[in-house]
């Protein structure tokens, strides 16, 4: 059975989300809920994907959240691929 995106968050992304949760509890909880409901990056809406990228502070570990490719397909520095698919 395929893991959820929340289960496949990289340690760096998870740590950043938890840090942001202290400041933006409601929003980060919504991000975490979205990740727990999705098994593929494509299951997320554009808004949800954008918030994952924003609140994980992905640019801290080299992910450019403003590219079409990152927004549409995710990045393995945020979500660990399963069977080569994010």
PDB file of N, CA and C in Angstrom:
ATOM      1  N   UNK A   1       0.841  -1.186   0.000  1.00  0.00           N
ATOM      2  CA  UNK A   1       0.000   0.000   0.000  1.00  0.00           C
ATOM      3  C   UNK A   1       0.888   1.252   0.000  1.00  0.00           C
ATOM      4  N   UNK A   2       0.526   2.215  -0.798  1.00  0.00           N
ATOM      5  CA  UNK A   2       1.312   3.440  -0.951  1.00  0.00           C
ATOM      6  C   UNK A   2       1.185   4.333   0.278  1.00  0.00           C
ATOM      7  N   UNK A   3       2.325   4.898   0.698  1.00  0.00           N
ATOM      8  CA  UNK A   3       2.341   5.825   1.834  1.00  0.00           C
ATOM      9  C   UNK A   3       1.791   7.181   1.413  1.00  0.00           C
ATOM     10  N   UNK A   4       1.300   7.937   2.385  1.00  0.00           N
ATOM     11  CA  UNK A   4       0.824   9.291   2.105  1.00  0.00           C
ATOM     12  C   UNK A   4       2.009  10.233   1.933  1.00  0.00           C
ATOM     13  N   UNK A   5       1.736  11.406   1.395  1.00  0.00           N
ATOM     14  CA  UNK A   5       2.792  12.412   1.257  1.00  0.00           C
ATOM     15  C   UNK A   5       3.329  12.811   2.627  1.00  0.00           C
ATOM     16  N   UNK A   6       2.467  12.854   3.623  1.00  0.00           N
ATOM     17  CA  UNK A   6       2.916  13.191   4.975  1.00  0.00           C
ATOM     18  C   UNK A   6       3.926  12.169   5.481  1.00  0.00           C
ATOM     19  N   UNK A   7       3.682  10.907   5.230  1.00  0.00           N
ATOM     20  CA  UNK A   7       4.609   9.849   5.652  1.00  0.00           C
ATOM     21  C   UNK A   7       5.936   9.924   4.914  1.00  0.00           C
ATOM     22  N   UNK A   8       5.908  10.511   3.714  1.00  0.00           N
ATOM     23  CA  UNK A   8       7.113  10.567   2.888  1.00  0.00           C
ATOM     24  C   UNK A   8       7.810  11.926   2.911  1.00  0.00           C
ATOM     25  N   UNK A   9       7.387  12.823   3.795  1.00  0.00           N
ATOM     26  CA  UNK A   9       8.089  14.105   3.932  1.00  0.00           C
ATOM     27  C   UNK A   9       9.540  13.852   4.300  1.00  0.00           C
ATOM     28  N   UNK A  10      10.442  14.589   3.691  1.00  0.00           N
ATOM     29  CA  UNK A  10      11.842  14.454   4.074  1.00  0.00           C
ATOM     30  C   UNK A  10      12.027  15.037   5.469  1.00  0.00           C
ATOM     31  N   UNK A  11      13.040  14.593   6.193  1.00  0.00           N
ATOM     32  CA  UNK A  11      13.281  15.136   7.538  1.00  0.00           C
ATOM     33  C   UNK A  11      13.444  16.658   7.550  1.00  0.00           C
ATOM     34  N   UNK A  12      14.129  17.199   6.548  1.00  0.00           N
ATOM     35  CA  UNK A  12      14.334  18.647   6.496  1.00  0.00           C
ATOM     36  C   UNK A  12      13.014  19.393   6.321  1.00  0.00           C
ATOM     37  N   UNK A  13      12.160  18.895   5.427  1.00  0.00           N
ATOM     38  CA  UNK A  13      10.861  19.539   5.188  1.00  0.00           C
ATOM     39  C   UNK A  13       9.970  19.411   6.419  1.00  0.00           C
ATOM     40  N   UNK A  14       9.975  18.255   7.045  1.00  0.00           N
ATOM     41  CA  UNK A  14       9.169  18.040   8.258  1.00  0.00           C
ATOM     42  C   UNK A  14       9.610  18.995   9.373  1.00  0.00           C
ATOM     43  N   UNK A  15      10.905  19.127   9.541  1.00  0.00           N
ATOM     44  CA  UNK A  15      11.437  20.025  10.574  1.00  0.00           C
ATOM     45  C   UNK A  15      11.008  21.468  10.320  1.00  0.00           C
ATOM     46  N   UNK A  16      11.097  21.904   9.082  1.00  0.00           N
ATOM     47  CA  UNK A  16      10.702  23.272   8.748  1.00  0.00           C
ATOM     48  C   UNK A  16       9.206  23.492   8.973  1.00  0.00           C
ATOM     49  N   UNK A  17       8.390  22.525   8.598  1.00  0.00           N
ATOM     50  CA  UNK A  17       6.945  22.656   8.832  1.00  0.00           C
ATOM     51  C   UNK A  17       6.643  22.756  10.321  1.00  0.00           C
ATOM     52  N   UNK A  18       7.325  21.970  11.131  1.00  0.00           N
ATOM     53  CA  UNK A  18       7.089  22.006  12.577  1.00  0.00           C
ATOM     54  C   UNK A  18       7.523  23.353  13.172  1.00  0.00           C
ATOM     55  N   UNK A  19       8.586  23.928  12.647  1.00  0.00           N
ATOM     56  CA  UNK A  19       9.010  25.256  13.114  1.00  0.00           C
ATOM     57  C   UNK A  19       7.970  26.312  12.745  1.00  0.00           C
ATOM     58  N   UNK A  20       7.445  26.228  11.540  1.00  0.00           N
ATOM     59  CA  UNK A  20       6.442  27.194  11.091  1.00  0.00           C
ATOM     60  C   UNK A  20       5.114  27.004  11.826  1.00  0.00           C
ATOM     61  N   UNK A  21       4.851  25.801  12.291  1.00  0.00           N
ATOM     62  CA  UNK A  21       3.596  25.502  12.977  1.00  0.00           C
ATOM     63  C   UNK A  21       3.428  26.351  14.235  1.00  0.00           C
ATOM     64  N   UNK A  22       4.528  26.683  14.899  1.00  0.00           N
ATOM     65  CA  UNK A  22       4.424  27.509  16.107  1.00  0.00           C
ATOM     66  C   UNK A  22       3.930  28.919  15.787  1.00  0.00           C
ATOM     67  N   UNK A  23       4.195  29.403  14.579  1.00  0.00           N
ATOM     68  CA  UNK A  23       3.754  30.746  14.185  1.00  0.00           C
ATOM     69  C   UNK A  23       2.428  30.734  13.425  1.00  0.00           C
ATOM     70  N   UNK A  24       2.230  29.699  12.626  1.00  0.00           N
ATOM     71  CA  UNK A  24       1.069  29.635  11.724  1.00  0.00           C
ATOM     72  C   UNK A  24       0.319  28.315  11.942  1.00  0.00           C
ATOM     73  N   UNK A  25      -0.142  28.092  13.149  1.00  0.00           N
ATOM     74  CA  UNK A  25      -0.729  26.812  13.541  1.00  0.00           C
ATOM     75  C   UNK A  25      -1.852  26.361  12.614  1.00  0.00           C
ATOM     76  N   UNK A  26      -2.847  27.214  12.396  1.00  0.00           N
ATOM     77  CA  UNK A  26      -4.010  26.837  11.594  1.00  0.00           C
ATOM     78  C   UNK A  26      -3.600  26.442  10.176  1.00  0.00           C
ATOM     79  N   UNK A  27      -2.791  27.269   9.541  1.00  0.00           N
ATOM     80  CA  UNK A  27      -2.408  27.034   8.153  1.00  0.00           C
ATOM     81  C   UNK A  27      -1.545  25.790   8.012  1.00  0.00           C
ATOM     82  N   UNK A  28      -0.572  25.636   8.893  1.00  0.00           N
ATOM     83  CA  UNK A  28       0.300  24.463   8.804  1.00  0.00           C
ATOM     84  C   UNK A  28      -0.488  23.188   9.108  1.00  0.00           C
ATOM     85  N   UNK A  29      -1.441  23.256  10.024  1.00  0.00           N
ATOM     86  CA  UNK A  29      -2.292  22.087  10.267  1.00  0.00           C
ATOM     87  C   UNK A  29      -3.068  21.717   9.014  1.00  0.00           C
ATOM     88  N   UNK A  30      -3.519  22.711   8.257  1.00  0.00           N
ATOM     89  CA  UNK A  30      -4.202  22.446   6.983  1.00  0.00           C
ATOM     90  C   UNK A  30      -3.249  21.814   5.972  1.00  0.00           C
ATOM     91  N   UNK A  31      -2.009  22.278   5.944  1.00  0.00           N
ATOM     92  CA  UNK A  31      -0.999  21.693   5.060  1.00  0.00           C
ATOM     93  C   UNK A  31      -0.779  20.227   5.432  1.00  0.00           C
ATOM     94  N   UNK A  32      -0.624  19.962   6.718  1.00  0.00           N
ATOM     95  CA  UNK A  32      -0.401  18.593   7.180  1.00  0.00           C
ATOM     96  C   UNK A  32      -1.598  17.699   6.852  1.00  0.00           C
ATOM     97  N   UNK A  33      -2.796  18.234   6.973  1.00  0.00           N
ATOM     98  CA  UNK A  33      -4.005  17.479   6.625  1.00  0.00           C
ATOM     99  C   UNK A  33      -4.019  17.152   5.133  1.00  0.00           C
ATOM    100  N   UNK A  34      -3.678  18.139   4.317  1.00  0.00           N
ATOM    101  CA  UNK A  34      -3.611  17.914   2.865  1.00  0.00           C
ATOM    102  C   UNK A  34      -2.619  16.809   2.535  1.00  0.00           C
ATOM    103  N   UNK A  35      -1.464  16.842   3.184  1.00  0.00           N
ATOM    104  CA  UNK A  35      -0.442  15.830   2.931  1.00  0.00           C
ATOM    105  C   UNK A  35      -0.876  14.448   3.414  1.00  0.00           C
ATOM    106  N   UNK A  36      -1.626  14.419   4.506  1.00  0.00           N
ATOM    107  CA  UNK A  36      -2.078  13.120   5.020  1.00  0.00           C
ATOM    108  C   UNK A  36      -3.190  12.521   4.158  1.00  0.00           C
ATOM    109  N   UNK A  37      -3.904  13.348   3.415  1.00  0.00           N
ATOM    110  CA  UNK A  37      -4.982  12.871   2.551  1.00  0.00           C
ATOM    111  C   UNK A  37      -4.486  12.473   1.154  1.00  0.00           C
ATOM    112  N   UNK A  38      -3.280  12.880   0.794  1.00  0.00           N
ATOM    113  CA  UNK A  38      -2.781  12.668  -0.573  1.00  0.00           C
ATOM    114  C   UNK A  38      -1.708  11.587  -0.618  1.00  0.00           C
ATOM    115  N   UNK A  39      -1.750  10.812  -1.678  1.00  0.00           N
ATOM    116  CA  UNK A  39      -0.717   9.794  -1.889  1.00  0.00           C
ATOM    117  C   UNK A  39       0.225  10.176  -3.023  1.00  0.00           C
ATOM    118  N   UNK A  40      -0.221  11.076  -3.878  1.00  0.00           N
ATOM    119  CA  UNK A  40       0.579  11.578  -4.997  1.00  0.00           C
ATOM    120  C   UNK A  40       0.582  13.099  -4.940  1.00  0.00           C
ATOM    121  N   UNK A  41       1.662  13.704  -5.400  1.00  0.00           N
ATOM    122  CA  UNK A  41       1.738  15.164  -5.447  1.00  0.00           C
ATOM    123  C   UNK A  41       0.585  15.711  -6.279  1.00  0.00           C
ATOM    124  N   UNK A  42       0.214  15.012  -7.328  1.00  0.00           N
ATOM    125  CA  UNK A  42      -0.860  15.466  -8.218  1.00  0.00           C
ATOM    126  C   UNK A  42      -2.234  15.432  -7.542  1.00  0.00           C
ATOM    127  N   UNK A  43      -2.336  14.804  -6.373  1.00  0.00           N
ATOM    128  CA  UNK A  43      -3.590  14.826  -5.614  1.00  0.00           C
ATOM    129  C   UNK A  43      -3.829  16.181  -4.958  1.00  0.00           C
ATOM    130  N   UNK A  44      -2.770  16.974  -4.814  1.00  0.00           N
ATOM    131  CA  UNK A  44      -2.878  18.290  -4.181  1.00  0.00           C
ATOM    132  C   UNK A  44      -3.403  19.312  -5.186  1.00  0.00           C
ATOM    133  N   UNK A  45      -4.161  20.284  -4.675  1.00  0.00           N
ATOM    134  CA  UNK A  45      -4.521  21.422  -5.527  1.00  0.00           C
ATOM    135  C   UNK A  45      -3.284  22.305  -5.674  1.00  0.00           C
ATOM    136  N   UNK A  46      -3.333  23.227  -6.601  1.00  0.00           N
ATOM    137  CA  UNK A  46      -2.200  24.149  -6.786  1.00  0.00           C
ATOM    138  C   UNK A  46      -1.977  24.956  -5.504  1.00  0.00           C
ATOM    139  N   UNK A  47      -3.056  25.384  -4.882  1.00  0.00           N
ATOM    140  CA  UNK A  47      -2.940  26.148  -3.638  1.00  0.00           C
ATOM    141  C   UNK A  47      -2.293  25.303  -2.541  1.00  0.00           C
ATOM    142  N   UNK A  48      -2.712  24.050  -2.408  1.00  0.00           N
ATOM    143  CA  UNK A  48      -2.130  23.175  -1.390  1.00  0.00           C
ATOM    144  C   UNK A  48      -0.642  22.936  -1.660  1.00  0.00           C
ATOM    145  N   UNK A  49      -0.296  22.677  -2.914  1.00  0.00           N
ATOM    146  CA  UNK A  49       1.107  22.456  -3.275  1.00  0.00           C
ATOM    147  C   UNK A  49       1.933  23.700  -2.971  1.00  0.00           C
ATOM    148  N   UNK A  50       1.397  24.863  -3.304  1.00  0.00           N
ATOM    149  CA  UNK A  50       2.098  26.108  -3.031  1.00  0.00           C
ATOM    150  C   UNK A  50       2.337  26.287  -1.533  1.00  0.00           C
ATOM    151  N   UNK A  51       1.348  25.964  -0.736  1.00  0.00           N
ATOM    152  CA  UNK A  51       1.502  26.102   0.720  1.00  0.00           C
ATOM    153  C   UNK A  51       2.507  25.107   1.285  1.00  0.00           C
ATOM    154  N   UNK A  52       2.535  23.906   0.737  1.00  0.00           N
ATOM    155  CA  UNK A  52       3.556  22.939   1.170  1.00  0.00           C
ATOM    156  C   UNK A  52       4.937  23.524   0.911  1.00  0.00           C
ATOM    157  N   UNK A  53       5.132  24.055  -0.279  1.00  0.00           N
ATOM    158  CA  UNK A  53       6.425  24.638  -0.635  1.00  0.00           C
ATOM    159  C   UNK A  53       6.749  25.860   0.215  1.00  0.00           C
ATOM    160  N   UNK A  54       5.763  26.695   0.448  1.00  0.00           N
ATOM    161  CA  UNK A  54       5.970  27.916   1.226  1.00  0.00           C
ATOM    162  C   UNK A  54       6.322  27.613   2.680  1.00  0.00           C
ATOM    163  N   UNK A  55       5.508  26.803   3.341  1.00  0.00           N
ATOM    164  CA  UNK A  55       5.692  26.576   4.771  1.00  0.00           C
ATOM    165  C   UNK A  55       6.756  25.528   5.097  1.00  0.00           C
ATOM    166  N   UNK A  56       7.243  24.807   4.098  1.00  0.00           N
ATOM    167  CA  UNK A  56       8.370  23.914   4.351  1.00  0.00           C
ATOM    168  C   UNK A  56       9.691  24.661   4.164  1.00  0.00           C
ATOM    169  N   UNK A  57       9.591  25.949   3.792  1.00  0.00           N
ATOM    170  CA  UNK A  57      10.783  26.764   3.542  1.00  0.00           C
ATOM    171  C   UNK A  57      11.746  26.037   2.610  1.00  0.00           C
ATOM    172  N   UNK A  58      11.202  25.505   1.539  1.00  0.00           N
ATOM    173  CA  UNK A  58      11.956  24.650   0.635  1.00  0.00           C
ATOM    174  C   UNK A  58      13.185  25.328   0.040  1.00  0.00           C
ATOM    175  N   UNK A  59      13.164  26.642  -0.081  1.00  0.00           N
ATOM    176  CA  UNK A  59      14.323  27.321  -0.649  1.00  0.00           C
ATOM    177  C   UNK A  59      15.548  27.203   0.256  1.00  0.00           C
ATOM    178  N   UNK A  60      15.341  26.870   1.527  1.00  0.00           N
ATOM    179  CA  UNK A  60      16.474  26.683   2.438  1.00  0.00           C
ATOM    180  C   UNK A  60      17.313  25.477   2.042  1.00  0.00           C
ATOM    181  N   UNK A  61      16.712  24.494   1.369  1.00  0.00           N
ATOM    182  CA  UNK A  61      17.487  23.333   0.932  1.00  0.00           C
ATOM    183  C   UNK A  61      17.503  23.188  -0.578  1.00  0.00           C
ATOM    184  N   UNK A  62      17.463  24.333  -1.268  1.00  0.00           N
ATOM    185  CA  UNK A  62      17.746  24.376  -2.691  1.00  0.00           C
ATOM    186  C   UNK A  62      16.599  24.159  -3.650  1.00  0.00           C
ATOM    187  N   UNK A  63      15.368  24.190  -3.172  1.00  0.00           N
ATOM    188  CA  UNK A  63      14.218  23.984  -4.053  1.00  0.00           C
ATOM    189  C   UNK A  63      13.639  25.345  -4.426  1.00  0.00           C
ATOM    190  N   UNK A  64      13.516  25.597  -5.717  1.00  0.00           N
ATOM    191  CA  UNK A  64      12.918  26.847  -6.186  1.00  0.00           C
ATOM    192  C   UNK A  64      11.422  26.641  -6.338  1.00  0.00           C
ATOM    193  N   UNK A  65      10.652  27.165  -5.398  1.00  0.00           N
ATOM    194  CA  UNK A  65       9.207  26.923  -5.403  1.00  0.00           C
ATOM    195  C   UNK A  65       8.471  27.705  -6.474  1.00  0.00           C
ATOM    196  N   UNK A  66       9.152  28.593  -7.150  1.00  0.00           N
ATOM    197  CA  UNK A  66       8.500  29.411  -8.162  1.00  0.00           C
ATOM    198  C   UNK A  66       8.585  28.822  -9.563  1.00  0.00           C
ATOM    199  N   UNK A  67       9.110  27.626  -9.702  1.00  0.00           N
ATOM    200  CA  UNK A  67       9.158  27.024 -11.035  1.00  0.00           C
ATOM    201  C   UNK A  67       7.902  26.186 -11.274  1.00  0.00           C
ATOM    202  N   UNK A  68       7.496  26.131 -12.506  1.00  0.00           N
ATOM    203  CA  UNK A  68       6.331  25.341 -12.901  1.00  0.00           C
ATOM    204  C   UNK A  68       6.547  23.873 -12.530  1.00  0.00           C
ATOM    205  N   UNK A  69       7.718  23.383 -12.818  1.00  0.00           N
ATOM    206  CA  UNK A  69       8.029  21.965 -12.583  1.00  0.00           C
ATOM    207  C   UNK A  69       7.880  21.604 -11.101  1.00  0.00           C
ATOM    208  N   UNK A  70       8.411  22.426 -10.211  1.00  0.00           N
ATOM    209  CA  UNK A  70       8.318  22.148  -8.780  1.00  0.00           C
ATOM    210  C   UNK A  70       6.873  22.196  -8.315  1.00  0.00           C
ATOM    211  N   UNK A  71       6.145  23.186  -8.735  1.00  0.00           N
ATOM    212  CA  UNK A  71       4.753  23.323  -8.313  1.00  0.00           C
ATOM    213  C   UNK A  71       3.896  22.169  -8.825  1.00  0.00           C
ATOM    214  N   UNK A  72       4.106  21.761 -10.056  1.00  0.00           N
ATOM    215  CA  UNK A  72       3.265  20.735 -10.649  1.00  0.00           C
ATOM    216  C   UNK A  72       3.681  19.304 -10.292  1.00  0.00           C
ATOM    217  N   UNK A  73       4.979  19.085 -10.096  1.00  0.00           N
ATOM    218  CA  UNK A  73       5.460  17.708  -9.922  1.00  0.00           C
ATOM    219  C   UNK A  73       6.153  17.452  -8.590  1.00  0.00           C
ATOM    220  N   UNK A  74       6.320  18.471  -7.760  1.00  0.00           N
ATOM    221  CA  UNK A  74       6.985  18.284  -6.483  1.00  0.00           C
ATOM    222  C   UNK A  74       8.489  18.188  -6.642  1.00  0.00           C
ATOM    223  N   UNK A  75       9.151  17.827  -5.573  1.00  0.00           N
ATOM    224  CA  UNK A  75      10.605  17.732  -5.569  1.00  0.00           C
ATOM    225  C   UNK A  75      11.016  16.687  -4.544  1.00  0.00           C
ATOM    226  N   UNK A  76      12.003  15.881  -4.890  1.00  0.00           N
ATOM    227  CA  UNK A  76      12.413  14.816  -3.983  1.00  0.00           C
ATOM    228  C   UNK A  76      13.181  15.313  -2.759  1.00  0.00           C
ATOM    229  N   UNK A  77      13.447  16.607  -2.697  1.00  0.00           N
ATOM    230  CA  UNK A  77      14.041  17.177  -1.483  1.00  0.00           C
ATOM    231  C   UNK A  77      12.976  17.558  -0.465  1.00  0.00           C
ATOM    232  N   UNK A  78      11.700  17.429  -0.854  1.00  0.00           N
ATOM    233  CA  UNK A  78      10.576  17.699   0.044  1.00  0.00           C
ATOM    234  C   UNK A  78       9.820  16.407   0.335  1.00  0.00           C
ATOM    235  N   UNK A  79       9.515  15.661  -0.709  1.00  0.00           N
ATOM    236  CA  UNK A  79       8.776  14.398  -0.586  1.00  0.00           C
ATOM    237  C   UNK A  79       9.639  13.275  -1.165  1.00  0.00           C
ATOM    238  N   UNK A  80       9.859  12.257  -0.362  1.00  0.00           N
ATOM    239  CA  UNK A  80      10.642  11.127  -0.856  1.00  0.00           C
ATOM    240  C   UNK A  80       9.813  10.335  -1.867  1.00  0.00           C
ATOM    241  N   UNK A  81      10.351  10.091  -3.053  1.00  0.00           N
ATOM    242  CA  UNK A  81       9.612   9.332  -4.071  1.00  0.00           C
ATOM    243  C   UNK A  81       9.340   7.896  -3.622  1.00  0.00           C
ATOM    244  N   UNK A  82       8.269   7.356  -4.095  1.00  0.00           N
ATOM    245  CA  UNK A  82       7.955   5.945  -3.884  1.00  0.00           C
ATOM    246  C   UNK A  82       7.765   5.350  -5.273  1.00  0.00           C
ATOM    247  N   UNK A  83       8.571   4.362  -5.615  1.00  0.00           N
ATOM    248  CA  UNK A  83       8.567   3.791  -6.969  1.00  0.00           C
ATOM    249  C   UNK A  83       8.845   4.868  -8.013  1.00  0.00           C
ATOM    250  N   UNK A  84       9.758   5.763  -7.691  1.00  0.00           N
ATOM    251  CA  UNK A  84      10.179   6.867  -8.573  1.00  0.00           C
ATOM    252  C   UNK A  84       9.105   7.894  -8.866  1.00  0.00           C
ATOM    253  N   UNK A  85       8.031   7.915  -8.084  1.00  0.00           N
ATOM    254  CA  UNK A  85       6.952   8.881  -8.297  1.00  0.00           C
ATOM    255  C   UNK A  85       6.714   9.653  -7.010  1.00  0.00           C
ATOM    256  N   UNK A  86       6.643  10.983  -7.138  1.00  0.00           N
ATOM    257  CA  UNK A  86       6.309  11.818  -5.985  1.00  0.00           C
ATOM    258  C   UNK A  86       4.826  11.945  -5.950  1.00  0.00           C
TER     259      UNK A  86
END
